[in-house]
Amino acid sequence: MCVTRLGTYAIALCFLSGCGRADRAAAPAESHADHQAPSAPAPRVDAAVRINTTAAPGAAPKGMVWVPGGTFWMGCEGCGMPDALPVHLVEVDGFWMDHTPVTNADFDRFVRATAYLTVAERPLNANDFPGIAKELLVPGSAVFTPTSRTVSLDNPLQWWRYTPGANWKHPEGPGSDVRTRGDHPVVHVALEDVLAYAAWAGKRVPSEAEFEFAARGGLDRNLYPWGNELTPGNKPAANIWQGTFPAKDRGEDGFTGTSPVTAFPPNGFGLRDMGGNVWQWCADWYRPDYYASLAQGGDAIAHNPAGPSDSFDPQEPGAAKRVVKGGSYLCTDQYCARYLVGSRGKAEVSSGTSNLGFRLVRSRDSAPLDR
């Protein structure tokens, strides 16, 4: 859903009560008029920026990459996103990170081992939808649906649909499946689902700072996880939107939906899909003023910041949201340029949409994995 996330239940309520009709008010939306791709930063030498040289603490757990930690400038200067300002110095310790987002095949192994049922597969709670007939409260999730023509970008309900029967196994709803998409990222996962998988896998959700440090791949104030050119050498570096949003994705990068997690080259740390394809959950609560509060704290460097103590989004004050990073296949400079490595997204914790996935990390001193 890019920057503004109504949440699966909110979209369901709109779907069931008809709030997407023309006679109803548009959903609150963030203005994207100022989003832009900043100019590439000039080369510079900054003594405050460093990549740790400490060796990895042993052999890599299966499917994970050692991210050495260090100090970096966090945020997105000149990109028209106030919640990603001010750019500030952050230090993170080294950690292991999944080489790719968790795939459908990975998630299938978890479900087979635990019989876990995701949020999108469970019946909706009637208490959350007063006045809606119980027979309409069927499991499902929010699915992106292209519009038939160019539309104003002020109402996401024009391209998001609550789709009964949509879940991780059926990403576009009944009739779709993941049998040929085992190497695509799992989607329609709410935070509760991610935490359940993490507990089973012996891992944890990355902090926002860990994710951004890892996504930068050892580069200083780069625009994208792979450098400062959106299409280096005129070759696509990530799965993002090309065309007129939300009507037509031309698929110039080879894909018009999710892509295999190894379809594009890794960044400098050997990590794939750190930008584009699907949004990825972070552990931090979302507040648009968090970076400003860090700057006001007076510390020259924020050490392993773990986010604010609570969530607040002025667009949806009652929604509990966590940070998401990386952008998705729906991101475009027309509407959502948050494949920019220093930008931020936000997701309501009960959301599970068709462009939201996750990857996990392990701390340096974690106990050995048993699987």
Protein backbone atom coordinates (compact mmCIF):
# COMPACT_ATOMS: atom_id res chain seq x y z
CA MET A 1 0.00 0.00 0.00
CA CYS A 2 3.06 2.21 -0.05
CA VAL A 3 3.13 4.97 2.56
CA THR A 4 -0.43 5.19 3.84
CA ARG A 5 -1.71 1.88 5.21
CA LEU A 6 -5.34 1.65 6.21
CA GLY A 7 -4.87 -1.84 7.60
CA THR A 8 -6.61 -5.00 6.49
CA TYR A 9 -9.52 -4.55 8.85
CA ALA A 10 -10.04 -0.90 7.90
CA ILE A 11 -10.09 -1.78 4.21
CA ALA A 12 -12.50 -4.61 4.99
CA LEU A 13 -14.79 -2.20 6.81
CA CYS A 14 -14.73 0.18 3.84
CA PHE A 15 -15.39 -2.72 1.46
CA LEU A 16 -18.28 -4.05 3.50
CA SER A 17 -19.89 -0.70 4.28
CA GLY A 18 -19.32 0.84 0.85
CA CYS A 19 -16.94 3.62 1.82
CA GLY A 20 -15.20 3.33 -1.55
CA ARG A 21 -18.31 4.65 -3.34
CA ALA A 22 -18.16 8.08 -4.92
CA ASP A 23 -20.66 9.46 -2.40
CA ARG A 24 -18.33 8.70 0.53
CA ALA A 25 -15.33 10.73 1.65
CA ALA A 26 -11.94 9.66 0.36
CA ALA A 27 -9.61 7.86 2.72
CA PRO A 28 -6.93 10.03 4.32
CA ALA A 29 -3.80 10.05 2.20
CA GLU A 30 -0.35 11.52 2.36
CA SER A 31 0.54 14.04 -0.31
CA HIS A 32 3.19 12.70 -2.65
CA ALA A 33 3.62 15.88 -4.65
CA ASP A 34 6.98 16.68 -3.05
CA HIS A 35 8.51 13.21 -3.31
CA GLN A 36 11.49 13.20 -5.55
CA ALA A 37 14.76 11.46 -6.24
CA PRO A 38 17.40 13.69 -4.66
CA SER A 39 20.52 14.54 -6.59
CA ALA A 40 23.31 12.05 -6.07
CA PRO A 41 25.54 13.20 -3.20
CA ALA A 42 28.96 14.50 -4.03
CA PRO A 43 31.84 12.17 -3.11
CA ARG A 44 33.11 12.96 0.36
CA VAL A 45 35.34 11.67 3.10
CA ASP A 46 33.60 11.55 6.47
CA ALA A 47 35.59 10.38 9.46
CA ALA A 48 32.35 9.73 11.36
CA VAL A 49 31.30 7.02 8.89
CA ARG A 50 32.84 3.59 9.29
CA ILE A 51 32.21 -0.08 8.67
CA ASN A 52 33.38 -2.39 11.44
CA THR A 53 36.18 -4.75 10.54
CA THR A 54 35.45 -7.33 13.23
CA ALA A 55 35.22 -10.79 11.71
CA ALA A 56 31.98 -12.72 11.69
CA PRO A 57 31.52 -14.78 14.86
CA GLY A 58 31.70 -18.16 13.20
CA ALA A 59 30.07 -19.80 10.23
CA ALA A 60 26.98 -18.15 8.79
CA PRO A 61 23.63 -19.67 9.77
CA LYS A 62 21.92 -21.15 6.72
CA GLY A 63 20.57 -18.46 4.43
CA MET A 64 22.03 -15.57 6.44
CA VAL A 65 24.72 -12.95 5.81
CA TRP A 66 26.99 -11.25 8.34
CA VAL A 67 26.39 -7.48 8.50
CA PRO A 68 29.41 -6.05 10.36
CA GLY A 69 27.80 -2.97 11.86
CA GLY A 70 29.31 0.48 12.05
CA THR A 71 28.34 4.14 11.96
CA PHE A 72 26.30 5.75 9.20
CA TRP A 73 24.09 8.70 8.32
CA MET A 74 20.45 7.59 8.63
CA GLY A 75 17.58 9.28 6.84
CA CYS A 76 16.71 10.78 3.48
CA GLU A 77 17.83 14.32 2.80
CA GLY A 78 16.20 16.22 -0.07
CA CYS A 79 13.58 13.56 -0.85
CA GLY A 80 10.51 15.48 0.34
CA MET A 81 9.74 13.11 3.23
CA PRO A 82 9.65 14.98 6.58
CA ASP A 83 9.46 11.77 8.63
CA ALA A 84 12.92 10.79 7.30
CA LEU A 85 14.54 13.98 8.63
CA PRO A 86 16.82 15.12 10.05
CA VAL A 87 19.59 12.90 8.73
CA HIS A 88 21.50 11.79 11.83
CA LEU A 89 24.46 9.63 12.82
CA VAL A 90 23.64 6.12 14.04
CA GLU A 91 25.85 3.27 15.22
CA VAL A 92 24.72 -0.35 15.09
CA ASP A 93 26.44 -3.51 16.26
CA GLY A 94 27.06 -6.39 13.87
CA PHE A 95 24.31 -8.96 13.25
CA TRP A 96 23.27 -11.78 10.96
CA MET A 97 20.54 -11.02 8.41
CA ASP A 98 18.51 -13.19 6.06
CA HIS A 99 20.07 -13.10 2.59
CA THR A 100 16.60 -12.54 1.09
CA PRO A 101 13.07 -11.88 2.29
CA VAL A 102 11.31 -14.95 3.65
CA THR A 103 9.85 -16.83 0.69
CA ASN A 104 6.63 -18.72 0.14
CA ALA A 105 8.62 -21.96 0.34
CA ASP A 106 10.15 -20.89 3.67
CA PHE A 107 6.77 -19.95 5.09
CA ASP A 108 5.22 -23.18 3.85
CA ARG A 109 7.78 -25.19 5.86
CA PHE A 110 6.84 -23.19 8.95
CA VAL A 111 3.11 -23.74 8.44
CA ARG A 112 3.58 -27.46 7.82
CA ALA A 113 5.66 -27.78 11.00
CA THR A 114 3.33 -25.77 13.25
CA ALA A 115 -0.14 -25.79 11.63
CA TYR A 116 -0.07 -22.01 12.01
CA LEU A 117 -3.03 -20.00 10.70
CA THR A 118 -2.25 -16.45 9.59
CA VAL A 119 -4.35 -13.43 10.50
CA ALA A 120 -5.70 -13.23 6.94
CA GLU A 121 -7.00 -16.81 7.22
CA ARG A 122 -8.95 -16.22 10.43
CA PRO A 123 -12.57 -15.04 10.65
CA LEU A 124 -13.03 -11.32 11.22
CA ASN A 125 -14.19 -10.28 14.68
CA ALA A 126 -17.74 -8.92 14.59
CA ASN A 127 -16.88 -6.48 17.40
CA ASP A 128 -14.53 -4.70 14.99
CA PHE A 129 -17.33 -4.18 12.46
CA PRO A 130 -20.47 -3.01 14.27
CA GLY A 131 -23.52 -2.99 12.02
CA ILE A 132 -22.05 -5.38 9.44
CA ALA A 133 -23.88 -8.66 8.90
CA LYS A 134 -21.90 -11.57 10.30
CA GLU A 135 -22.20 -13.55 7.08
CA LEU A 136 -20.16 -10.82 5.36
CA LEU A 137 -17.28 -11.10 7.83
CA VAL A 138 -15.18 -13.60 5.91
CA PRO A 139 -11.40 -14.07 6.05
CA GLY A 140 -9.38 -12.17 3.48
CA SER A 141 -6.81 -9.46 2.94
CA ALA A 142 -6.04 -6.30 0.97
CA VAL A 143 -5.05 -6.88 -2.66
CA PHE A 144 -3.72 -4.29 -5.08
CA THR A 145 -5.98 -4.00 -8.13
CA PRO A 146 -4.91 -1.75 -11.03
CA THR A 147 -7.41 0.88 -12.07
CA SER A 148 -8.85 0.89 -15.58
CA ARG A 149 -7.77 4.48 -16.18
CA THR A 150 -5.65 7.27 -14.75
CA VAL A 151 -7.08 8.44 -11.42
CA SER A 152 -6.36 10.99 -8.75
CA LEU A 153 -3.91 9.65 -6.19
CA ASP A 154 -5.71 10.98 -3.13
CA ASN A 155 -7.77 7.86 -2.37
CA PRO A 156 -5.98 4.49 -2.07
CA LEU A 157 -9.32 2.68 -1.94
CA GLN A 158 -9.43 3.10 -5.71
CA TRP A 159 -6.70 0.47 -6.10
CA TRP A 160 -6.86 -1.50 -2.87
CA ARG A 161 -9.62 -4.10 -2.43
CA TYR A 162 -10.44 -6.24 0.55
CA THR A 163 -10.54 -9.62 -1.17
CA PRO A 164 -12.27 -12.53 0.59
CA GLY A 165 -10.04 -15.58 0.48
CA ALA A 166 -6.81 -13.65 -0.15
CA ASN A 167 -3.95 -14.82 2.06
CA TRP A 168 -0.34 -15.97 1.78
CA LYS A 169 -1.38 -19.13 -0.11
CA HIS A 170 -3.71 -17.22 -2.43
CA PRO A 171 -2.08 -13.81 -2.94
CA GLU A 172 -4.71 -12.44 -5.37
CA GLY A 173 -7.62 -14.32 -3.80
CA PRO A 174 -9.35 -17.62 -4.68
CA GLY A 175 -8.04 -19.03 -7.93
CA SER A 176 -4.49 -17.81 -7.32
CA ASP A 177 -1.81 -19.80 -5.56
CA VAL A 178 1.93 -19.91 -4.88
CA ARG A 179 2.72 -23.30 -6.35
CA THR A 180 4.90 -21.70 -9.01
CA ARG A 181 6.05 -18.88 -6.73
CA GLY A 182 7.99 -20.71 -4.05
CA ASP A 183 10.94 -18.36 -4.53
CA HIS A 184 8.81 -15.20 -4.31
CA PRO A 185 8.50 -13.35 -0.99
CA VAL A 186 5.60 -14.39 1.21
CA VAL A 187 2.97 -11.65 1.48
CA HIS A 188 -0.25 -11.00 3.41
CA VAL A 189 1.64 -11.39 6.69
CA ALA A 190 0.59 -9.27 9.66
CA LEU A 191 3.09 -8.53 12.41
CA GLU A 192 1.63 -11.32 14.55
CA ASP A 193 2.42 -13.79 11.76
CA VAL A 194 5.97 -12.48 11.44
CA LEU A 195 6.59 -12.80 15.18
CA ALA A 196 5.28 -16.36 15.17
CA TYR A 197 7.62 -17.31 12.33
CA ALA A 198 10.54 -15.55 14.06
CA ALA A 199 9.97 -17.52 17.29
CA TRP A 200 9.91 -20.78 15.33
CA ALA A 201 13.05 -19.85 13.37
CA GLY A 202 15.02 -18.61 16.39
CA LYS A 203 15.41 -15.13 14.91
CA ARG A 204 13.99 -11.65 15.42
CA VAL A 205 12.60 -8.71 13.45
CA PRO A 206 15.30 -6.14 12.59
CA SER A 207 15.28 -2.66 14.00
CA GLU A 208 14.77 0.15 11.53
CA ALA A 209 18.40 1.23 12.03
CA GLU A 210 19.68 -2.30 11.40
CA PHE A 211 17.62 -2.58 8.23
CA GLU A 212 18.82 0.75 6.84
CA PHE A 213 22.47 0.10 7.68
CA ALA A 214 22.24 -3.28 5.98
CA ALA A 215 20.38 -1.85 2.98
CA ARG A 216 23.08 0.75 2.38
CA GLY A 217 25.56 -2.06 1.78
CA GLY A 218 28.54 -0.15 3.13
CA LEU A 219 27.96 2.99 1.02
CA ASP A 220 27.78 6.50 2.49
CA ARG A 221 24.51 8.43 1.98
CA ASN A 222 23.64 6.49 -1.16
CA LEU A 223 20.19 6.96 -2.67
CA TYR A 224 19.45 3.27 -3.29
CA PRO A 225 20.67 -0.02 -1.82
CA TRP A 226 22.81 -0.51 -4.93
CA GLY A 227 24.24 3.03 -5.31
CA ASN A 228 23.12 6.39 -6.69
CA GLU A 229 21.67 5.49 -10.09
CA LEU A 230 18.13 4.14 -10.27
CA THR A 231 19.01 1.99 -13.29
CA PRO A 232 22.79 1.55 -13.31
CA GLY A 233 24.04 0.79 -16.81
CA ASN A 234 20.41 1.13 -17.96
CA LYS A 235 19.61 -2.16 -16.26
CA PRO A 236 16.86 -2.52 -13.63
CA ALA A 237 18.28 -3.01 -10.15
CA ALA A 238 15.02 -3.74 -8.34
CA ASN A 239 11.39 -4.67 -8.86
CA ILE A 240 9.53 -1.35 -8.87
CA TRP A 241 6.72 0.24 -10.90
CA GLN A 242 7.29 1.54 -14.42
CA GLY A 243 4.36 3.22 -16.11
CA THR A 244 1.33 5.18 -14.95
CA PHE A 245 0.39 4.46 -11.35
CA PRO A 246 -1.98 2.82 -10.48
CA ALA A 247 -3.33 1.99 -13.94
CA LYS A 248 -0.50 0.35 -15.87
CA ASP A 249 2.83 -1.16 -14.87
CA ARG A 250 4.80 -1.69 -18.06
CA GLY A 251 6.96 -4.31 -16.33
CA GLU A 252 10.21 -3.04 -17.85
CA ASP A 253 12.12 -4.73 -15.01
CA GLY A 254 10.61 -8.07 -16.06
CA PHE A 255 7.81 -8.21 -13.49
CA THR A 256 4.38 -6.69 -12.83
CA GLY A 257 3.87 -8.23 -9.40
CA THR A 258 6.27 -9.84 -6.97
CA SER A 259 9.49 -11.33 -8.34
CA PRO A 260 11.80 -14.14 -7.22
CA VAL A 261 13.93 -12.90 -4.33
CA THR A 262 17.12 -13.56 -6.29
CA ALA A 263 16.02 -11.84 -9.50
CA PHE A 264 18.21 -8.76 -8.95
CA PRO A 265 21.84 -8.36 -7.89
CA PRO A 266 22.81 -8.17 -4.20
CA ASN A 267 24.06 -5.01 -2.53
CA GLY A 268 27.52 -4.54 -1.06
CA PHE A 269 26.79 -6.77 1.94
CA GLY A 270 25.45 -9.58 -0.27
CA LEU A 271 21.80 -8.89 0.57
CA ARG A 272 19.06 -9.09 -2.06
CA ASP A 273 15.75 -7.26 -2.33
CA MET A 274 16.64 -4.52 0.15
CA GLY A 275 14.72 -2.15 -2.12
CA GLY A 276 11.61 -2.93 -4.16
CA ASN A 277 9.62 -6.18 -4.52
CA VAL A 278 7.92 -6.08 -1.09
CA TRP A 279 7.89 -3.87 1.96
CA GLN A 280 9.54 -5.48 4.98
CA TRP A 281 8.53 -5.24 8.63
CA CYS A 282 10.80 -3.60 11.21
CA ALA A 283 10.51 -3.85 14.98
CA ASP A 284 10.24 -0.10 15.69
CA TRP A 285 7.00 1.68 16.43
CA TYR A 286 6.28 4.39 13.86
CA ARG A 287 6.22 8.07 14.71
CA PRO A 288 6.88 10.77 12.10
CA ASP A 289 8.74 12.87 14.69
CA TYR A 290 11.10 10.16 15.92
CA TYR A 291 14.17 11.35 14.02
CA ALA A 292 13.57 14.89 15.27
CA SER A 293 13.33 13.65 18.85
CA LEU A 294 16.64 11.79 18.44
CA ALA A 295 18.29 14.97 17.19
CA GLN A 296 16.95 16.93 20.15
CA GLY A 297 18.41 14.38 22.54
CA GLY A 298 21.83 15.95 22.16
CA ASP A 299 23.79 12.74 21.54
CA ALA A 300 26.28 12.99 18.71
CA ILE A 301 25.59 9.38 17.72
CA ALA A 302 22.52 7.22 18.42
CA HIS A 303 23.70 3.76 19.49
CA ASN A 304 21.49 0.86 18.41
CA PRO A 305 18.29 2.94 18.44
CA ALA A 306 15.19 0.80 18.92
CA GLY A 307 12.53 3.34 18.03
CA PRO A 308 10.03 5.28 20.16
CA SER A 309 8.06 3.82 23.04
CA ASP A 310 4.72 4.16 21.27
CA SER A 311 3.12 4.68 17.89
CA PHE A 312 1.45 7.77 16.47
CA ASP A 313 0.45 8.58 12.92
CA PRO A 314 -1.44 11.89 12.59
CA GLN A 315 -3.18 10.53 9.50
CA GLU A 316 -4.68 7.68 11.52
CA PRO A 317 -4.26 8.58 15.21
CA GLY A 318 -5.93 5.45 16.54
CA ALA A 319 -3.88 2.94 14.53
CA ALA A 320 -0.90 1.11 16.03
CA LYS A 321 1.85 1.11 13.40
CA ARG A 322 5.35 -0.24 12.98
CA VAL A 323 7.99 0.94 10.54
CA VAL A 324 8.36 -0.89 7.24
CA LYS A 325 11.32 -0.39 4.93
CA GLY A 326 12.43 -0.99 1.37
CA GLY A 327 9.42 -0.04 -0.72
CA SER A 328 7.72 -2.51 -3.07
CA TYR A 329 6.84 -3.35 -6.65
CA LEU A 330 4.21 -0.60 -6.41
CA CYS A 331 6.69 2.17 -5.65
CA THR A 332 7.22 4.89 -8.25
CA ASP A 333 8.30 8.51 -8.17
CA GLN A 334 4.72 9.37 -9.18
CA TYR A 335 3.27 8.13 -5.91
CA CYS A 336 5.79 6.42 -3.66
CA ALA A 337 9.54 6.80 -4.04
CA ARG A 338 10.29 4.84 -0.88
CA TYR A 339 12.71 2.50 -2.56
CA LEU A 340 15.04 5.37 -1.56
CA VAL A 341 17.20 3.66 1.02
CA GLY A 342 16.82 6.35 3.70
CA SER A 343 13.05 6.64 3.45
CA ARG A 344 10.46 5.10 5.75
CA GLY A 345 7.09 3.41 5.48
CA LYS A 346 4.50 2.47 8.07
CA ALA A 347 2.10 -0.42 8.50
CA GLU A 348 -0.78 -1.01 10.90
CA VAL A 349 0.16 -4.08 12.89
CA SER A 350 -2.86 -6.16 11.83
CA SER A 351 -2.20 -5.41 8.14
CA GLY A 352 -1.26 -8.11 5.72
CA THR A 353 -1.31 -6.87 2.15
CA SER A 354 -0.18 -8.16 -1.23
CA ASN A 355 3.05 -6.13 -1.17
CA LEU A 356 4.18 -6.62 2.44
CA GLY A 357 6.68 -9.28 3.53
CA PHE A 358 9.61 -9.59 5.92
CA ARG A 359 13.12 -10.84 6.63
CA LEU A 360 14.73 -11.59 9.98
CA VAL A 361 18.01 -11.10 11.83
CA ARG A 362 20.00 -12.70 14.64
CA SER A 363 22.20 -10.93 17.15
CA ARG A 364 25.90 -11.73 17.26
CA ASP A 365 25.68 -13.65 20.54
CA SER A 366 22.47 -15.60 19.85
CA ALA A 367 22.40 -19.29 20.70
CA PRO A 368 23.09 -21.67 17.78
CA LEU A 369 20.13 -22.47 15.57
CA ASP A 370 18.62 -25.94 15.82
CA ARG A 371 17.17 -25.87 12.32
